[in-house]
Amino acid sequence: MAQQRNSTDLHAKLKTTIDSFPLDNTQANMEQILDDQLSLGIDFPIVPQLEDMSMMFLKPLAEQNCGIEIKNGITQVIGELIPPREPIVLPELIWTKSYIENAGFQAKIDGIKVYVTGPFTLAYFIKIADMPALLMPDIVERLAHIIKKIVHDIDKEGVAIITIYEHILNFAIAQFSIEEDFALKCLDIVFKGISKAIPSIHVCDEIFSISRLLLQLDNVLYLDHDFVNNPDNLKAYTKQDLERYDKMIGYGCLASVFDPFLLEDIRREKVPWQRAVETEKDVRSRILKASNRYGIEKLIIDPDCAFGNLKFAIPSEIAYNITLAKLKNMMGAVKDLRKEFRLEVP
């Protein structure tokens, strides 16, 4: 039975977290990412999940014979989909917990955030014959029960935030004729697996068309979206909506989509990489705009998603420099606004 929670856990504190990093999956990179998050003062550092977000969960499901197999990078349904017998607790999570404990940082952060890929996004990358499993509602619902088991096991590890990553939810509803009531049912199944951590959902791209659905997710505390890449998302909710449904907003305040010509000039060293970094003043202005719409007490501050993709356009070292510089400006703006709004924790 899930315990009662409400947004007072994060209310009026302007907490910060992050999404992804543009580095390859190596031990050294994981350490660097975590060290930098801790040095910056990120309130909820993320587990460095540097693998493909879908394969990260599909591989262990295939290994436990849960009804899928992966051949040549393609995931196929080969039998009845069943929950895993053994807990799928990411090794990256166990490592992160240990690293933070050994570094003595437990008291300096609010907790760890972990992403788990949602049933609609997973179903999009699973095939039945040559068709995406997203076309089969019974498969999607079974995946929801499987992910419920995964988040239940992760929840036991004492993480602070579990974010369900539904990259293609709006696309699934618009292009695959997924009924909103069915989407709500499946997502409710997933979130019932979380009883201790703060439950949240990240939906990419335009969310105006599904904002009513997201507000109705009773077991979700905060809704996380891109607002720089998709500025019209700011109009998707009102302060009254958030108060009525007891929701907070994960407000993406850093651009993660870049002018391809600028990136090419950076790659060729025609312009400095700093050209891709917004100023602290810009970030502050964006946060204030969201505060005017929703109230400063309703915001959790993070970047727009998909920094991880930046490494495919420019060298990863430069991509990481850009990401880190952006985060520094984000944290500078947040610290300034905490003082201005008297949100500093004694």
Protein backbone atom coordinates (compact mmCIF):
# COMPACT_ATOMS: atom_id res chain seq x y z
CA MET A 1 0.00 0.00 0.00
CA ALA A 2 1.54 3.30 -1.07
CA GLN A 3 1.97 5.88 1.66
CA GLN A 4 0.27 9.27 1.36
CA ARG A 5 2.51 11.91 -0.16
CA ASN A 6 2.04 15.43 -1.36
CA SER A 7 4.10 18.22 -2.81
CA THR A 8 5.11 19.60 0.60
CA ASP A 9 8.16 17.30 0.37
CA LEU A 10 9.63 19.73 -2.20
CA HIS A 11 7.43 22.77 -1.72
CA ALA A 12 9.06 26.22 -1.90
CA LYS A 13 12.64 24.99 -1.98
CA LEU A 14 13.55 25.34 -5.69
CA LYS A 15 15.36 21.99 -5.71
CA THR A 16 17.59 20.94 -8.61
CA THR A 17 18.22 17.75 -10.55
CA ILE A 18 19.40 16.74 -14.03
CA ASP A 19 18.68 14.39 -16.92
CA SER A 20 21.59 12.90 -18.88
CA PHE A 21 25.24 13.41 -19.81
CA PRO A 22 27.04 13.18 -23.20
CA LEU A 23 29.70 10.64 -22.23
CA ASP A 24 30.35 6.99 -23.05
CA ASN A 25 29.63 4.27 -20.53
CA THR A 26 32.93 3.87 -18.65
CA GLN A 27 33.79 3.71 -14.97
CA ALA A 28 35.91 6.86 -15.22
CA ASN A 29 33.05 8.78 -16.82
CA MET A 30 30.59 7.63 -14.16
CA GLU A 31 32.93 8.89 -11.46
CA GLN A 32 33.43 12.21 -13.22
CA ILE A 33 29.68 12.72 -13.67
CA LEU A 34 28.92 12.00 -10.03
CA ASP A 35 31.83 14.11 -8.76
CA ASP A 36 30.70 17.06 -10.86
CA GLN A 37 27.07 16.78 -9.71
CA LEU A 38 28.18 16.73 -6.10
CA SER A 39 30.58 19.66 -6.62
CA LEU A 40 27.89 21.74 -8.31
CA GLY A 41 25.49 21.20 -5.43
CA ILE A 42 22.77 19.36 -7.37
CA ASP A 43 20.13 18.46 -4.77
CA PHE A 44 19.08 15.20 -6.42
CA PRO A 45 22.05 13.84 -8.42
CA ILE A 46 21.11 11.22 -10.97
CA VAL A 47 22.50 7.75 -11.31
CA PRO A 48 24.89 7.95 -14.32
CA GLN A 49 22.82 5.89 -16.76
CA LEU A 50 25.03 6.03 -19.85
CA GLU A 51 23.57 3.09 -21.76
CA ASP A 52 20.56 3.14 -24.06
CA MET A 53 17.57 3.83 -21.80
CA SER A 54 15.46 1.03 -23.30
CA MET A 55 18.15 -1.63 -23.59
CA MET A 56 19.15 -0.96 -20.00
CA PHE A 57 15.93 -2.73 -18.98
CA LEU A 58 15.24 -4.96 -21.97
CA LYS A 59 18.57 -6.82 -21.67
CA PRO A 60 18.00 -8.07 -18.11
CA LEU A 61 14.40 -8.98 -18.99
CA ALA A 62 15.68 -11.08 -21.89
CA GLU A 63 18.31 -12.68 -19.65
CA GLN A 64 15.62 -13.71 -17.17
CA ASN A 65 13.45 -15.24 -19.93
CA CYS A 66 10.58 -12.82 -19.39
CA GLY A 67 9.13 -13.42 -22.86
CA ILE A 68 11.49 -11.40 -25.04
CA GLU A 69 14.76 -12.00 -26.81
CA ILE A 70 17.28 -9.65 -28.39
CA LYS A 71 18.96 -10.57 -31.66
CA ASN A 72 21.10 -8.22 -33.74
CA GLY A 73 19.92 -5.32 -31.60
CA ILE A 74 16.23 -6.03 -32.22
CA THR A 75 13.93 -7.00 -29.33
CA GLN A 76 11.19 -9.51 -30.17
CA VAL A 77 8.32 -10.96 -28.16
CA ILE A 78 8.78 -14.75 -28.13
CA GLY A 79 6.31 -15.82 -25.44
CA GLU A 80 4.17 -14.70 -22.55
CA LEU A 81 5.50 -11.53 -20.96
CA ILE A 82 6.11 -12.15 -17.25
CA PRO A 83 7.73 -10.10 -14.46
CA PRO A 84 11.37 -10.92 -13.68
CA ARG A 85 12.01 -13.57 -11.02
CA GLU A 86 15.01 -11.69 -9.64
CA PRO A 87 15.04 -7.95 -8.90
CA ILE A 88 16.34 -5.76 -11.74
CA VAL A 89 18.25 -3.24 -9.68
CA LEU A 90 20.66 -1.34 -11.89
CA PRO A 91 24.32 -1.97 -11.03
CA GLU A 92 24.86 1.74 -11.68
CA LEU A 93 22.46 2.48 -8.81
CA ILE A 94 24.26 0.21 -6.36
CA TRP A 95 27.58 1.77 -7.38
CA THR A 96 26.20 5.33 -7.01
CA LYS A 97 24.91 4.65 -3.50
CA SER A 98 28.26 3.21 -2.47
CA TYR A 99 30.25 6.03 -4.07
CA ILE A 100 28.23 8.75 -2.34
CA GLU A 101 28.47 6.95 1.00
CA ASN A 102 32.24 6.47 0.70
CA ALA A 103 32.69 10.13 -0.29
CA GLY A 104 30.70 11.23 2.77
CA PHE A 105 28.12 13.14 0.72
CA GLN A 106 24.87 11.63 2.07
CA ALA A 107 24.17 14.61 4.30
CA LYS A 108 24.93 17.10 1.50
CA ILE A 109 22.28 15.90 -0.96
CA ASP A 110 18.54 15.31 -0.74
CA GLY A 111 18.85 11.88 -2.31
CA ILE A 112 19.44 10.00 -5.55
CA LYS A 113 17.27 10.16 -8.66
CA VAL A 114 16.92 7.21 -11.05
CA TYR A 115 15.16 6.86 -14.40
CA VAL A 116 13.09 3.83 -15.42
CA THR A 117 11.77 3.56 -18.97
CA GLY A 118 7.98 3.42 -19.15
CA PRO A 119 5.74 0.81 -20.82
CA PHE A 120 4.81 2.86 -23.89
CA THR A 121 8.40 3.75 -24.72
CA LEU A 122 9.56 0.16 -24.17
CA ALA A 123 6.71 -1.17 -26.30
CA TYR A 124 7.75 1.11 -29.15
CA PHE A 125 11.16 -0.61 -29.26
CA ILE A 126 9.81 -4.17 -29.00
CA LYS A 127 8.66 -6.02 -32.11
CA ILE A 128 5.98 -8.65 -32.66
CA ALA A 129 6.93 -10.03 -36.05
CA ASP A 130 7.61 -6.75 -37.88
CA MET A 131 5.17 -4.62 -35.92
CA PRO A 132 5.91 -2.49 -32.86
CA ALA A 133 4.40 -3.97 -29.73
CA LEU A 134 2.87 -0.55 -29.12
CA LEU A 135 0.07 -1.67 -31.45
CA MET A 136 -0.91 -4.45 -29.01
CA PRO A 137 -2.67 -3.07 -25.90
CA ASP A 138 -2.37 -6.37 -24.00
CA ILE A 139 1.41 -6.31 -24.49
CA VAL A 140 1.65 -2.72 -23.26
CA GLU A 141 -0.40 -3.56 -20.16
CA ARG A 142 1.79 -6.58 -19.39
CA LEU A 143 4.84 -4.36 -19.74
CA ALA A 144 3.25 -1.98 -17.23
CA HIS A 145 3.05 -4.83 -14.70
CA ILE A 146 6.68 -5.77 -15.42
CA ILE A 147 7.86 -2.20 -14.89
CA LYS A 148 5.78 -1.99 -11.71
CA LYS A 149 7.88 -4.88 -10.38
CA ILE A 150 11.12 -3.18 -11.48
CA VAL A 151 10.29 0.13 -9.78
CA HIS A 152 9.10 -1.71 -6.67
CA ASP A 153 12.52 -3.34 -6.35
CA ILE A 154 14.35 -0.08 -7.06
CA ASP A 155 12.14 1.69 -4.51
CA LYS A 156 13.46 -0.66 -1.84
CA GLU A 157 16.98 0.68 -2.45
CA GLY A 158 16.15 3.97 -0.78
CA VAL A 159 16.34 6.31 -3.79
CA ALA A 160 14.71 9.72 -3.40
CA ILE A 161 13.10 10.11 -6.85
CA ILE A 162 12.00 7.55 -9.42
CA THR A 163 11.20 9.14 -12.76
CA ILE A 164 9.31 7.13 -15.37
CA TYR A 165 10.80 8.05 -18.73
CA GLU A 166 8.04 8.13 -21.36
CA HIS A 167 9.86 9.56 -24.34
CA ILE A 168 7.09 8.84 -26.84
CA LEU A 169 3.85 9.01 -24.82
CA ASN A 170 2.34 11.91 -26.77
CA PHE A 171 3.47 10.33 -30.05
CA ALA A 172 1.90 6.99 -29.03
CA ILE A 173 -1.45 8.62 -28.31
CA ALA A 174 -1.44 10.70 -31.49
CA GLN A 175 0.01 8.21 -33.98
CA PHE A 176 -0.85 4.77 -32.55
CA SER A 177 -4.41 5.58 -31.48
CA ILE A 178 -3.71 4.80 -27.82
CA GLU A 179 -6.78 5.73 -25.79
CA GLU A 180 -6.09 8.20 -22.98
CA ASP A 181 -8.02 6.07 -20.47
CA PHE A 182 -5.81 3.11 -21.36
CA ALA A 183 -2.65 5.21 -21.04
CA LEU A 184 -3.83 6.38 -17.62
CA LYS A 185 -4.57 2.80 -16.56
CA CYS A 186 -1.12 1.52 -17.56
CA LEU A 187 0.75 4.39 -15.95
CA ASP A 188 -1.26 4.02 -12.75
CA ILE A 189 -0.20 0.36 -12.65
CA VAL A 190 3.46 1.38 -12.87
CA PHE A 191 3.29 4.06 -10.19
CA LYS A 192 1.60 1.75 -7.71
CA GLY A 193 4.99 0.05 -7.49
CA ILE A 194 6.46 3.14 -5.78
CA SER A 195 5.71 3.58 -2.08
CA LYS A 196 8.77 5.38 -0.68
CA ALA A 197 10.45 7.46 -3.38
CA ILE A 198 9.03 10.64 -4.88
CA PRO A 199 7.25 9.49 -8.06
CA SER A 200 7.60 11.57 -11.23
CA ILE A 201 7.20 11.24 -14.97
CA HIS A 202 9.21 12.77 -17.80
CA VAL A 203 7.47 13.27 -21.14
CA CYS A 204 9.47 14.82 -23.99
CA ASP A 205 8.51 17.25 -26.71
CA GLU A 206 5.07 18.92 -26.88
CA ILE A 207 2.80 17.98 -23.99
CA PHE A 208 -0.10 20.42 -24.38
CA SER A 209 -2.33 17.72 -25.91
CA ILE A 210 -1.87 15.29 -23.01
CA SER A 211 -1.57 17.68 -20.05
CA ARG A 212 -5.05 16.77 -18.75
CA LEU A 213 -4.09 13.10 -18.74
CA LEU A 214 -0.85 13.76 -16.86
CA LEU A 215 -2.61 15.81 -14.20
CA GLN A 216 -4.85 12.83 -13.49
CA LEU A 217 -1.95 10.58 -12.49
CA ASP A 218 -2.87 10.43 -8.81
CA ASN A 219 0.34 8.72 -7.68
CA VAL A 220 2.67 11.19 -9.41
CA LEU A 221 4.13 14.11 -7.50
CA TYR A 222 5.83 16.07 -10.25
CA LEU A 223 5.58 16.34 -14.02
CA ASP A 224 8.87 16.89 -15.83
CA HIS A 225 9.06 18.46 -19.29
CA ASP A 226 11.18 20.43 -21.77
CA PHE A 227 10.38 24.13 -21.74
CA VAL A 228 13.27 25.73 -23.66
CA ASN A 229 13.07 23.33 -26.60
CA ASN A 230 9.25 23.55 -26.43
CA PRO A 231 8.30 26.97 -25.01
CA ASP A 232 4.56 26.45 -25.63
CA ASN A 233 4.63 23.77 -22.91
CA LEU A 234 4.51 26.60 -20.39
CA LYS A 235 0.84 27.09 -21.33
CA ALA A 236 -0.03 23.41 -20.76
CA TYR A 237 -0.78 23.94 -17.07
CA THR A 238 -1.95 26.73 -14.82
CA LYS A 239 -1.10 27.34 -11.18
CA GLN A 240 -4.68 26.40 -10.37
CA ASP A 241 -4.19 23.05 -12.13
CA LEU A 242 -1.11 22.30 -10.06
CA GLU A 243 -2.81 23.24 -6.81
CA ARG A 244 -5.96 21.27 -7.58
CA TYR A 245 -4.07 18.08 -8.48
CA ASP A 246 -1.22 18.59 -5.98
CA LYS A 247 1.48 18.56 -8.66
CA MET A 248 4.82 20.24 -9.13
CA ILE A 249 6.66 20.98 -12.37
CA GLY A 250 10.10 19.73 -13.32
CA TYR A 251 11.02 22.84 -15.26
CA GLY A 252 13.59 22.35 -18.03
CA CYS A 253 15.48 25.65 -18.12
CA LEU A 254 18.52 24.73 -20.27
CA ALA A 255 18.38 24.13 -24.01
CA SER A 256 19.44 20.66 -25.13
CA VAL A 257 18.61 21.10 -28.82
CA PHE A 258 21.24 23.05 -30.72
CA ASP A 259 21.59 24.77 -34.06
CA PRO A 260 23.33 22.10 -36.20
CA PHE A 261 25.34 24.78 -38.00
CA LEU A 262 26.63 26.07 -34.68
CA LEU A 263 27.62 22.55 -33.62
CA GLU A 264 29.42 22.01 -36.92
CA ASP A 265 31.33 25.27 -36.44
CA ILE A 266 32.25 24.16 -32.92
CA ARG A 267 33.37 20.78 -34.21
CA ARG A 268 35.57 22.47 -36.81
CA GLU A 269 36.84 24.88 -34.13
CA LYS A 270 35.57 27.87 -36.07
CA VAL A 271 33.83 29.23 -32.98
CA PRO A 272 34.40 28.56 -29.26
CA TRP A 273 32.14 25.98 -27.63
CA GLN A 274 31.06 28.60 -25.10
CA ARG A 275 28.85 29.99 -27.86
CA ALA A 276 26.43 27.12 -27.16
CA VAL A 277 26.00 28.02 -23.47
CA GLU A 278 23.25 30.37 -22.31
CA THR A 279 24.15 32.91 -19.63
CA GLU A 280 23.17 32.74 -15.98
CA LYS A 281 21.00 35.81 -16.68
CA ASP A 282 19.14 33.91 -19.42
CA VAL A 283 18.50 30.97 -17.10
CA ARG A 284 17.30 33.24 -14.32
CA SER A 285 14.89 34.95 -16.73
CA ARG A 286 13.44 31.58 -17.79
CA ILE A 287 12.92 30.44 -14.21
CA LEU A 288 11.22 33.72 -13.31
CA LYS A 289 8.90 33.30 -16.29
CA ALA A 290 7.89 29.88 -14.97
CA SER A 291 7.55 31.29 -11.47
CA ASN A 292 5.14 33.94 -12.74
CA ARG A 293 3.05 31.20 -14.34
CA TYR A 294 3.13 28.48 -11.69
CA GLY A 295 4.57 30.01 -8.52
CA ILE A 296 8.18 29.57 -7.42
CA GLU A 297 7.04 27.03 -4.82
CA LYS A 298 5.84 24.68 -7.57
CA LEU A 299 9.16 24.38 -9.43
CA ILE A 300 11.92 21.79 -9.50
CA ILE A 301 14.73 23.02 -11.72
CA ASP A 302 16.53 20.88 -14.28
CA PRO A 303 17.70 21.03 -17.92
CA ASP A 304 15.67 19.99 -20.94
CA CYS A 305 16.34 16.33 -21.72
CA ALA A 306 18.79 14.70 -24.13
CA PHE A 307 22.20 16.22 -23.38
CA GLY A 308 23.35 12.66 -24.00
CA ASN A 309 22.77 13.06 -27.74
CA LEU A 310 25.23 15.95 -27.96
CA LYS A 311 28.19 13.53 -28.09
CA PHE A 312 27.03 12.32 -31.51
CA ALA A 313 27.43 15.79 -33.03
CA ILE A 314 30.68 17.00 -31.47
CA PRO A 315 33.54 15.36 -29.55
CA SER A 316 32.31 14.10 -26.18
CA GLU A 317 34.88 16.14 -24.25
CA ILE A 318 33.54 19.36 -25.76
CA ALA A 319 29.95 18.16 -25.33
CA TYR A 320 30.63 17.56 -21.67
CA ASN A 321 32.25 20.99 -21.26
CA ILE A 322 29.10 22.58 -22.69
CA THR A 323 26.85 20.52 -20.40
CA LEU A 324 28.90 21.37 -17.31
CA ALA A 325 29.01 25.09 -18.15
CA LYS A 326 25.24 25.11 -18.60
CA LEU A 327 24.73 23.38 -15.26
CA LYS A 328 27.01 25.87 -13.51
CA ASN A 329 24.88 28.73 -14.84
CA MET A 330 21.71 26.90 -13.80
CA MET A 331 23.00 26.46 -10.26
CA GLY A 332 24.16 30.09 -10.13
CA ALA A 333 20.69 31.29 -11.11
CA VAL A 334 18.99 28.95 -8.63
CA LYS A 335 21.18 30.01 -5.71
CA ASP A 336 20.52 33.67 -6.51
CA LEU A 337 16.74 33.11 -6.71
CA ARG A 338 16.70 31.12 -3.46
CA LYS A 339 18.11 34.18 -1.73
CA GLU A 340 15.74 36.56 -3.52
CA PHE A 341 12.67 34.48 -2.61
CA ARG A 342 14.07 33.60 0.84
CA LEU A 343 14.09 29.90 0.09
CA GLU A 344 17.46 29.25 1.69
CA VAL A 345 17.33 26.25 4.01
CA PRO A 346 18.75 27.16 7.45
